[in-house]
C-alpha atoms as a PDB file:
ATOM      1  CA  MET A   1      -9.444 -79.623  -3.837  1.00  0.00           C
ATOM      2  CA  THR A   2      -5.931 -78.180  -4.183  1.00  0.00           C
ATOM      3  CA  ASP A   3      -7.304 -75.228  -6.126  1.00  0.00           C
ATOM      4  CA  ASN A   4      -9.921 -74.654  -3.413  1.00  0.00           C
ATOM      5  CA  VAL A   5      -7.258 -74.598  -0.714  1.00  0.00           C
ATOM      6  CA  GLU A   6      -5.210 -72.097  -2.709  1.00  0.00           C
ATOM      7  CA  VAL A   7      -8.226 -69.807  -3.137  1.00  0.00           C
ATOM      8  CA  LEU A   8      -9.008 -70.164   0.559  1.00  0.00           C
ATOM      9  CA  ALA A   9      -5.448 -69.218   1.490  1.00  0.00           C
ATOM     10  CA  ALA A  10      -5.643 -66.154  -0.760  1.00  0.00           C
ATOM     11  CA  ARG A  11      -8.917 -65.109   0.868  1.00  0.00           C
ATOM     12  CA  LEU A  12      -7.860 -65.614   4.495  1.00  0.00           C
ATOM     13  CA  PRO A  13      -7.715 -61.827   5.124  1.00  0.00           C
ATOM     14  CA  SER A  14     -11.324 -61.386   3.976  1.00  0.00           C
ATOM     15  CA  LEU A  15     -12.394 -64.415   6.022  1.00  0.00           C
ATOM     16  CA  ALA A  16     -10.679 -62.897   9.051  1.00  0.00           C
ATOM     17  CA  ASP A  17     -12.551 -59.650   8.445  1.00  0.00           C
ATOM     18  CA  GLY A  18     -15.804 -61.618   8.223  1.00  0.00           C
ATOM     19  CA  VAL A  19     -15.084 -63.373  11.515  1.00  0.00           C
ATOM     20  CA  LEU A  20     -14.322 -60.011  13.118  1.00  0.00           C
ATOM     21  CA  VAL A  21     -17.629 -58.526  11.928  1.00  0.00           C
ATOM     22  CA  THR A  22     -19.524 -61.579  13.199  1.00  0.00           C
ATOM     23  CA  LEU A  23     -17.777 -61.299  16.575  1.00  0.00           C
ATOM     24  CA  GLN A  24     -18.615 -57.599  16.791  1.00  0.00           C
ATOM     25  CA  LEU A  25     -22.265 -58.338  16.082  1.00  0.00           C
ATOM     26  CA  THR A  26     -22.320 -61.247  18.531  1.00  0.00           C
ATOM     27  CA  LEU A  27     -20.575 -59.507  21.414  1.00  0.00           C
ATOM     28  CA  GLY A  28     -22.267 -56.145  20.875  1.00  0.00           C
ATOM     29  CA  GLY A  29     -25.700 -57.664  20.391  1.00  0.00           C
ATOM     30  CA  GLY A  30     -25.135 -60.048  23.303  1.00  0.00           C
ATOM     31  CA  ALA A  31     -24.125 -57.249  25.675  1.00  0.00           C
ATOM     32  CA  LEU A  32     -27.157 -55.166  24.709  1.00  0.00           C
ATOM     33  CA  ALA A  33     -29.427 -58.226  24.954  1.00  0.00           C
ATOM     34  CA  PHE A  34     -28.144 -58.977  28.478  1.00  0.00           C
ATOM     35  CA  VAL A  35     -28.807 -55.438  29.700  1.00  0.00           C
ATOM     36  CA  ILE A  36     -32.281 -55.454  28.167  1.00  0.00           C
ATOM     37  CA  ALA A  37     -32.998 -58.936  29.536  1.00  0.00           C
ATOM     38  CA  VAL A  38     -32.112 -57.905  33.089  1.00  0.00           C
ATOM     39  CA  LEU A  39     -34.054 -54.638  32.960  1.00  0.00           C
ATOM     40  CA  LEU A  40     -37.145 -56.176  31.390  1.00  0.00           C
ATOM     41  CA  GLY A  41     -36.950 -59.356  33.445  1.00  0.00           C
ATOM     42  CA  LEU A  42     -36.927 -57.388  36.691  1.00  0.00           C
ATOM     43  CA  SER A  43     -39.586 -54.962  35.464  1.00  0.00           C
ATOM     44  CA  ALA A  44     -41.917 -57.740  34.313  1.00  0.00           C
ATOM     45  CA  ARG A  45     -42.038 -59.398  37.730  1.00  0.00           C
ATOM     46  CA  SER A  46     -42.138 -56.451  40.131  1.00  0.00           C
ATOM     47  CA  GLY A  47     -42.784 -52.746  40.337  1.00  0.00           C
ATOM     48  CA  PRO A  48     -45.824 -50.643  39.409  1.00  0.00           C
ATOM     49  CA  THR A  49     -48.504 -52.134  37.203  1.00  0.00           C
ATOM     50  CA  LEU A  50     -47.750 -49.630  34.442  1.00  0.00           C
ATOM     51  CA  LEU A  51     -44.080 -50.642  34.425  1.00  0.00           C
ATOM     52  CA  ARG A  52     -44.933 -54.341  34.325  1.00  0.00           C
ATOM     53  CA  GLY A  53     -47.377 -53.751  31.492  1.00  0.00           C
ATOM     54  CA  ALA A  54     -44.869 -51.739  29.469  1.00  0.00           C
ATOM     55  CA  ALA A  55     -42.246 -54.461  29.951  1.00  0.00           C
ATOM     56  CA  ARG A  56     -44.682 -57.145  28.774  1.00  0.00           C
ATOM     57  CA  VAL A  57     -45.607 -55.135  25.665  1.00  0.00           C
ATOM     58  CA  PHE A  58     -41.947 -54.600  24.815  1.00  0.00           C
ATOM     59  CA  ILE A  59     -41.130 -58.285  25.310  1.00  0.00           C
ATOM     60  CA  GLU A  60     -44.034 -59.573  23.260  1.00  0.00           C
ATOM     61  CA  PHE A  61     -43.483 -57.055  20.461  1.00  0.00           C
ATOM     62  CA  PHE A  62     -39.840 -57.941  19.857  1.00  0.00           C
ATOM     63  CA  ARG A  63     -40.449 -61.666  20.347  1.00  0.00           C
ATOM     64  CA  GLY A  64     -43.415 -61.555  18.002  1.00  0.00           C
ATOM     65  CA  THR A  65     -41.777 -59.730  15.098  1.00  0.00           C
ATOM     66  CA  SER A  66     -39.158 -61.013  12.684  1.00  0.00           C
ATOM     67  CA  LEU A  67     -35.492 -60.256  13.281  1.00  0.00           C
ATOM     68  CA  LEU A  68     -35.093 -59.729   9.554  1.00  0.00           C
ATOM     69  CA  VAL A  69     -37.901 -57.151   9.489  1.00  0.00           C
ATOM     70  CA  GLN A  70     -36.364 -55.398  12.494  1.00  0.00           C
ATOM     71  CA  LEU A  71     -33.021 -55.213  10.674  1.00  0.00           C
ATOM     72  CA  PHE A  72     -34.722 -53.732   7.596  1.00  0.00           C
ATOM     73  CA  TRP A  73     -36.589 -51.253   9.781  1.00  0.00           C
ATOM     74  CA  PHE A  74     -33.465 -49.938  11.484  1.00  0.00           C
ATOM     75  CA  PHE A  75     -31.428 -49.826   8.275  1.00  0.00           C
ATOM     76  CA  TYR A  76     -33.985 -48.666   5.688  1.00  0.00           C
ATOM     77  CA  VAL A  77     -36.857 -47.006   7.593  1.00  0.00           C
ATOM     78  CA  LEU A  78     -35.021 -44.942  10.196  1.00  0.00           C
ATOM     79  CA  PRO A  79     -33.163 -42.931   7.497  1.00  0.00           C
ATOM     80  CA  LEU A  80     -36.567 -41.911   6.135  1.00  0.00           C
ATOM     81  CA  LEU A  81     -37.251 -40.441   9.579  1.00  0.00           C
ATOM     82  CA  GLY A  82     -33.956 -38.569   9.627  1.00  0.00           C
ATOM     83  CA  VAL A  83     -31.993 -41.103  11.719  1.00  0.00           C
ATOM     84  CA  GLN A  84     -28.951 -42.554   9.940  1.00  0.00           C
ATOM     85  CA  LEU A  85     -27.204 -45.482  11.647  1.00  0.00           C
ATOM     86  CA  SER A  86     -24.263 -47.566  10.521  1.00  0.00           C
ATOM     87  CA  SER A  87     -24.826 -51.154   9.402  1.00  0.00           C
ATOM     88  CA  LEU A  88     -22.991 -52.443  12.477  1.00  0.00           C
ATOM     89  CA  LEU A  89     -25.084 -50.392  14.878  1.00  0.00           C
ATOM     90  CA  CYS A  90     -28.306 -51.459  13.135  1.00  0.00           C
ATOM     91  CA  GLY A  91     -27.272 -55.097  13.474  1.00  0.00           C
ATOM     92  CA  ILE A  92     -26.369 -54.744  17.153  1.00  0.00           C
ATOM     93  CA  LEU A  93     -29.638 -52.952  17.931  1.00  0.00           C
ATOM     94  CA  ALA A  94     -31.809 -55.496  16.135  1.00  0.00           C
ATOM     95  CA  LEU A  95     -30.017 -58.482  17.647  1.00  0.00           C
ATOM     96  CA  GLY A  96     -29.906 -56.965  21.131  1.00  0.00           C
ATOM     97  CA  LEU A  97     -33.576 -56.009  21.190  1.00  0.00           C
ATOM     98  CA  ASN A  98     -34.791 -59.274  19.678  1.00  0.00           C
ATOM     99  CA  TYR A  99     -32.791 -61.660  21.841  1.00  0.00           C
ATOM    100  CA  GLY A 100     -33.021 -59.381  24.861  1.00  0.00           C
ATOM    101  CA  ALA A 101     -36.788 -59.895  24.775  1.00  0.00           C
ATOM    102  CA  TYR A 102     -36.274 -63.667  24.899  1.00  0.00           C
ATOM    103  CA  GLY A 103     -33.643 -63.281  27.607  1.00  0.00           C
ATOM    104  CA  ALA A 104     -36.049 -61.266  29.759  1.00  0.00           C
ATOM    105  CA  GLU A 105     -38.185 -64.385  30.210  1.00  0.00           C
ATOM    106  CA  VAL A 106     -35.082 -66.348  31.207  1.00  0.00           C
ATOM    107  CA  VAL A 107     -34.183 -63.743  33.838  1.00  0.00           C
ATOM    108  CA  ARG A 108     -37.727 -63.540  35.166  1.00  0.00           C
ATOM    109  CA  GLY A 109     -38.053 -67.324  35.376  1.00  0.00           C
ATOM    110  CA  ALA A 110     -34.687 -67.728  37.105  1.00  0.00           C
ATOM    111  CA  ILE A 111     -35.543 -65.121  39.733  1.00  0.00           C
ATOM    112  CA  ASN A 112     -38.946 -66.706  40.325  1.00  0.00           C
ATOM    113  CA  SER A 113     -37.287 -70.107  40.781  1.00  0.00           C
ATOM    114  CA  VAL A 114     -35.346 -68.947  43.844  1.00  0.00           C
ATOM    115  CA  PRO A 115     -37.084 -70.681  46.795  1.00  0.00           C
ATOM    116  CA  ARG A 116     -39.623 -68.532  48.566  1.00  0.00           C
ATOM    117  CA  GLY A 117     -37.958 -69.356  51.858  1.00  0.00           C
ATOM    118  CA  GLN A 118     -34.917 -67.356  50.768  1.00  0.00           C
ATOM    119  CA  TRP A 119     -37.059 -64.237  50.397  1.00  0.00           C
ATOM    120  CA  GLU A 120     -38.773 -64.844  53.724  1.00  0.00           C
ATOM    121  CA  ALA A 121     -35.443 -65.352  55.485  1.00  0.00           C
ATOM    122  CA  THR A 122     -34.154 -61.996  54.247  1.00  0.00           C
ATOM    123  CA  THR A 123     -37.329 -60.346  55.515  1.00  0.00           C
ATOM    124  CA  ALA A 124     -36.695 -61.877  58.934  1.00  0.00           C
ATOM    125  CA  LEU A 125     -33.166 -60.459  58.780  1.00  0.00           C
ATOM    126  CA  SER A 126     -34.587 -56.987  57.949  1.00  0.00           C
ATOM    127  CA  MET A 127     -32.749 -56.804  54.625  1.00  0.00           C
ATOM    128  CA  SER A 128     -33.922 -54.176  52.148  1.00  0.00           C
ATOM    129  CA  PRO A 129     -35.422 -55.363  48.825  1.00  0.00           C
ATOM    130  CA  ALA A 130     -32.425 -54.029  46.908  1.00  0.00           C
ATOM    131  CA  ARG A 131     -29.919 -55.768  49.185  1.00  0.00           C
ATOM    132  CA  THR A 132     -31.975 -58.940  49.053  1.00  0.00           C
ATOM    133  CA  MET A 133     -31.845 -58.932  45.267  1.00  0.00           C
ATOM    134  CA  VAL A 134     -28.131 -58.131  45.001  1.00  0.00           C
ATOM    135  CA  LYS A 135     -26.783 -60.301  47.802  1.00  0.00           C
ATOM    136  CA  ILE A 136     -29.182 -63.238  47.993  1.00  0.00           C
ATOM    137  CA  VAL A 137     -31.535 -63.659  45.046  1.00  0.00           C
ATOM    138  CA  TRP A 138     -29.380 -62.596  42.086  1.00  0.00           C
ATOM    139  CA  PRO A 139     -26.393 -64.921  42.807  1.00  0.00           C
ATOM    140  CA  GLN A 140     -28.742 -67.916  42.921  1.00  0.00           C
ATOM    141  CA  ALA A 141     -30.729 -66.804  39.875  1.00  0.00           C
ATOM    142  CA  TRP A 142     -27.510 -66.109  37.962  1.00  0.00           C
ATOM    143  CA  ALA A 143     -26.328 -69.698  38.384  1.00  0.00           C
ATOM    144  CA  ILE A 144     -29.705 -70.911  37.121  1.00  0.00           C
ATOM    145  CA  MET A 145     -29.925 -68.626  34.087  1.00  0.00           C
ATOM    146  CA  ILE A 146     -26.397 -69.053  32.696  1.00  0.00           C
ATOM    147  CA  PRO A 147     -27.143 -72.200  30.603  1.00  0.00           C
ATOM    148  CA  SER A 148     -30.254 -70.658  29.032  1.00  0.00           C
ATOM    149  CA  LEU A 149     -28.524 -67.329  28.378  1.00  0.00           C
ATOM    150  CA  SER A 150     -25.588 -69.114  26.751  1.00  0.00           C
ATOM    151  CA  ASN A 151     -28.033 -70.963  24.480  1.00  0.00           C
ATOM    152  CA  LEU A 152     -29.561 -67.625  23.503  1.00  0.00           C
ATOM    153  CA  LEU A 153     -26.105 -66.208  22.773  1.00  0.00           C
ATOM    154  CA  VAL A 154     -25.361 -69.141  20.460  1.00  0.00           C
ATOM    155  CA  MET A 155     -28.704 -68.511  18.740  1.00  0.00           C
ATOM    156  CA  LEU A 156     -27.782 -64.827  18.470  1.00  0.00           C
ATOM    157  CA  LEU A 157     -24.487 -65.838  16.857  1.00  0.00           C
ATOM    158  CA  LYS A 158     -26.410 -67.809  14.243  1.00  0.00           C
ATOM    159  CA  GLY A 159     -28.822 -64.889  13.876  1.00  0.00           C
ATOM    160  CA  THR A 160     -25.944 -62.681  12.737  1.00  0.00           C
ATOM    161  CA  ALA A 161     -26.017 -64.630   9.463  1.00  0.00           C
ATOM    162  CA  VAL A 162     -28.879 -62.419   8.235  1.00  0.00           C
ATOM    163  CA  ALA A 163     -26.787 -59.267   8.677  1.00  0.00           C
ATOM    164  CA  TYR A 164     -25.520 -59.572   5.103  1.00  0.00           C
ATOM    165  CA  VAL A 165     -28.875 -58.153   3.968  1.00  0.00           C
ATOM    166  CA  ILE A 166     -27.849 -54.801   5.465  1.00  0.00           C
ATOM    167  CA  LEU A 167     -24.491 -54.913   3.667  1.00  0.00           C
ATOM    168  CA  MET A 168     -22.481 -56.422   6.530  1.00  0.00           C
ATOM    169  CA  HIS A 169     -19.451 -58.407   5.348  1.00  0.00           C
ATOM    170  CA  ASP A 170     -19.818 -61.116   7.968  1.00  0.00           C
ATOM    171  CA  ILE A 171     -18.965 -64.830   7.785  1.00  0.00           C
ATOM    172  CA  THR A 172     -22.015 -65.597   5.647  1.00  0.00           C
ATOM    173  CA  PHE A 173     -21.151 -62.847   3.171  1.00  0.00           C
ATOM    174  CA  VAL A 174     -17.481 -63.795   2.771  1.00  0.00           C
ATOM    175  CA  THR A 175     -18.443 -67.467   2.551  1.00  0.00           C
ATOM    176  CA  GLY A 176     -20.682 -66.572  -0.378  1.00  0.00           C
ATOM    177  CA  GLN A 177     -17.763 -64.769  -2.003  1.00  0.00           C
ATOM    178  CA  LEU A 178     -15.595 -67.856  -1.453  1.00  0.00           C
ATOM    179  CA  ARG A 179     -18.223 -69.994  -3.182  1.00  0.00           C
ATOM    180  CA  GLN A 180     -18.214 -67.661  -6.184  1.00  0.00           C
ATOM    181  CA  ALA A 181     -14.418 -67.811  -6.357  1.00  0.00           C
ATOM    182  CA  THR A 182     -14.133 -71.591  -6.043  1.00  0.00           C
ATOM    183  CA  GLY A 183     -17.395 -72.693  -7.652  1.00  0.00           C
ATOM    184  CA  ASP A 184     -17.560 -75.319  -4.889  1.00  0.00           C
ATOM    185  CA  THR A 185     -20.632 -74.887  -2.685  1.00  0.00           C
ATOM    186  CA  PHE A 186     -19.825 -77.858  -0.415  1.00  0.00           C
ATOM    187  CA  PHE A 187     -16.309 -76.647   0.358  1.00  0.00           C
ATOM    188  CA  SER A 188     -17.192 -72.977   0.792  1.00  0.00           C
ATOM    189  CA  TYR A 189     -20.153 -73.375   3.091  1.00  0.00           C
ATOM    190  CA  GLY A 190     -18.294 -76.128   4.916  1.00  0.00           C
ATOM    191  CA  VAL A 191     -15.679 -73.517   5.822  1.00  0.00           C
ATOM    192  CA  GLY A 192     -18.470 -71.217   7.025  1.00  0.00           C
ATOM    193  CA  MET A 193     -19.987 -73.955   9.181  1.00  0.00           C
ATOM    194  CA  VAL A 194     -16.635 -74.673  10.812  1.00  0.00           C
ATOM    195  CA  LEU A 195     -16.124 -70.984  11.621  1.00  0.00           C
ATOM    196  CA  TYR A 196     -19.571 -70.662  13.220  1.00  0.00           C
ATOM    197  CA  PHE A 197     -19.022 -73.909  15.133  1.00  0.00           C
ATOM    198  CA  LEU A 198     -15.693 -72.760  16.580  1.00  0.00           C
ATOM    199  CA  ILE A 199     -17.188 -69.475  17.803  1.00  0.00           C
ATOM    200  CA  ALA A 200     -20.189 -71.285  19.294  1.00  0.00           C
ATOM    201  CA  LEU A 201     -17.864 -73.760  21.003  1.00  0.00           C
ATOM    202  CA  ALA A 202     -15.920 -70.890  22.574  1.00  0.00           C
ATOM    203  CA  ILE A 203     -19.188 -69.376  23.864  1.00  0.00           C
ATOM    204  CA  VAL A 204     -20.231 -72.687  25.424  1.00  0.00           C
ATOM    205  CA  MET A 205     -16.844 -73.179  27.084  1.00  0.00           C
ATOM    206  CA  VAL A 206     -16.919 -69.693  28.612  1.00  0.00           C
ATOM    207  CA  ALA A 207     -20.515 -70.205  29.776  1.00  0.00           C
ATOM    208  CA  ASN A 208     -19.617 -73.532  31.397  1.00  0.00           C
ATOM    209  CA  ALA A 209     -16.733 -71.882  33.234  1.00  0.00           C
ATOM    210  CA  LEU A 210     -19.025 -69.085  34.449  1.00  0.00           C
ATOM    211  CA  GLU A 211     -21.600 -71.620  35.625  1.00  0.00           C
ATOM    212  CA  ARG A 212     -19.015 -73.605  37.594  1.00  0.00           C
ATOM    213  CA  ARG A 213     -17.729 -70.408  39.174  1.00  0.00           C
ATOM    214  CA  ALA A 214     -21.243 -69.264  40.093  1.00  0.00           C
ATOM    215  CA  LYS A 215     -22.015 -72.611  41.711  1.00  0.00           C
ATOM    216  CA  ARG A 216     -18.750 -72.602  43.666  1.00  0.00           C
ATOM    217  CA  ARG A 217     -19.611 -69.165  45.050  1.00  0.00           C
ATOM    218  CA  LEU A 218     -22.922 -70.596  46.232  1.00  0.00           C
ATOM    219  CA  GLY A 219     -21.162 -73.498  47.941  1.00  0.00           C
ATOM    220  CA  ARG A 220     -22.239 -76.090  45.379  1.00  0.00           C
ATOM    221  CA  GLY A 221     -18.837 -76.912  43.931  1.00  0.00           C
ATOM    222  CA  GLU A 222     -16.565 -79.837  44.735  1.00  0.00           C
ATOM    223  CA  ALA A 223     -14.419 -77.826  47.133  1.00  0.00           C
ATOM    224  CA  THR A 224     -17.356 -76.730  49.263  1.00  0.00           C
ATOM    225  CA  ARG A 225     -19.737 -79.661  48.861  1.00  0.00           C
ATOM    226  CA  ARG A 226     -19.038 -80.975  52.372  1.00  0.00           C
ATOM    227  CA  ARG A 227     -19.188 -77.581  54.074  1.00  0.00           C
ATOM    228  CA  PRO A 228     -22.031 -77.491  56.638  1.00  0.00           C
ATOM    229  CA  THR A 229     -24.590 -74.769  56.115  1.00  0.00           C
ATOM    230  CA  ALA A 230     -27.567 -73.537  58.073  1.00  0.00           C
ATOM    231  CA  ALA A 231     -30.656 -74.699  56.214  1.00  0.00           C
ATOM    232  CA  ALA A 232     -32.785 -71.842  57.442  1.00  0.00           C
ATOM    233  CA  ALA A 233     -30.402 -69.087  56.340  1.00  0.00           C
ATOM    234  CA  PRO A 234     -30.439 -67.630  52.865  1.00  0.00           C
ATOM    235  CA  VAL A 235     -27.574 -68.500  50.546  1.00  0.00           C
ATOM    236  CA  GLY A 236     -24.926 -65.809  50.719  1.00  0.00           C
ATOM    237  CA  VAL A 237     -25.558 -64.924  54.363  1.00  0.00           C
ATOM    238  CA  VAL A 238     -24.098 -68.020  55.964  1.00  0.00           C
ATOM    239  CA  GLY A 239     -20.988 -69.599  54.420  1.00  0.00           C
END
């Protein structure tokens, strides 16, 4: 065990680099996935029939194909077509597109879960569709979708483990190097598990804070629980 700790200490810089690569993939892929989820989620539930159909095809294609195959396609196939991308960009694109397709269903479901009366109330107040979405519907849907989106981000974090196949020196890659150096599989992959767990824990803590904040803004937090509201008015108009 002492020898393992010494090897680990000597390899801390490479482990730090692996954590950094994993964070870049997670944050970059997560940001792209969120943008795609919002765009596709809104497109899949409203707009012209052609737009809804295109959104559904996109969602089902990226949900129905393997993340690993998508990574290979971006990294190995695109160069054959004259498009050369870095390993990091390939990883972010594959992760963002794949998990963005799953996130689109979360966004669509959250928006659909907003009570119909909220939409009808905004119509009675002569609010435009865009203003209705931004001021009334989205804040309520956002509070609903945060837990599911945070779960997807944790899954995306774990999905970064396959990035080593496109030569990314992420946590999984440097953990494999640590195993070769120590000859101890239990110790090496135990270190990797702890690193992934700590990052996932940070994601969950941030998501919980965002959810509490979103609920407070809707008047559902402890500080505003006793505040009287008009039942007939949409959330965000009366407060």
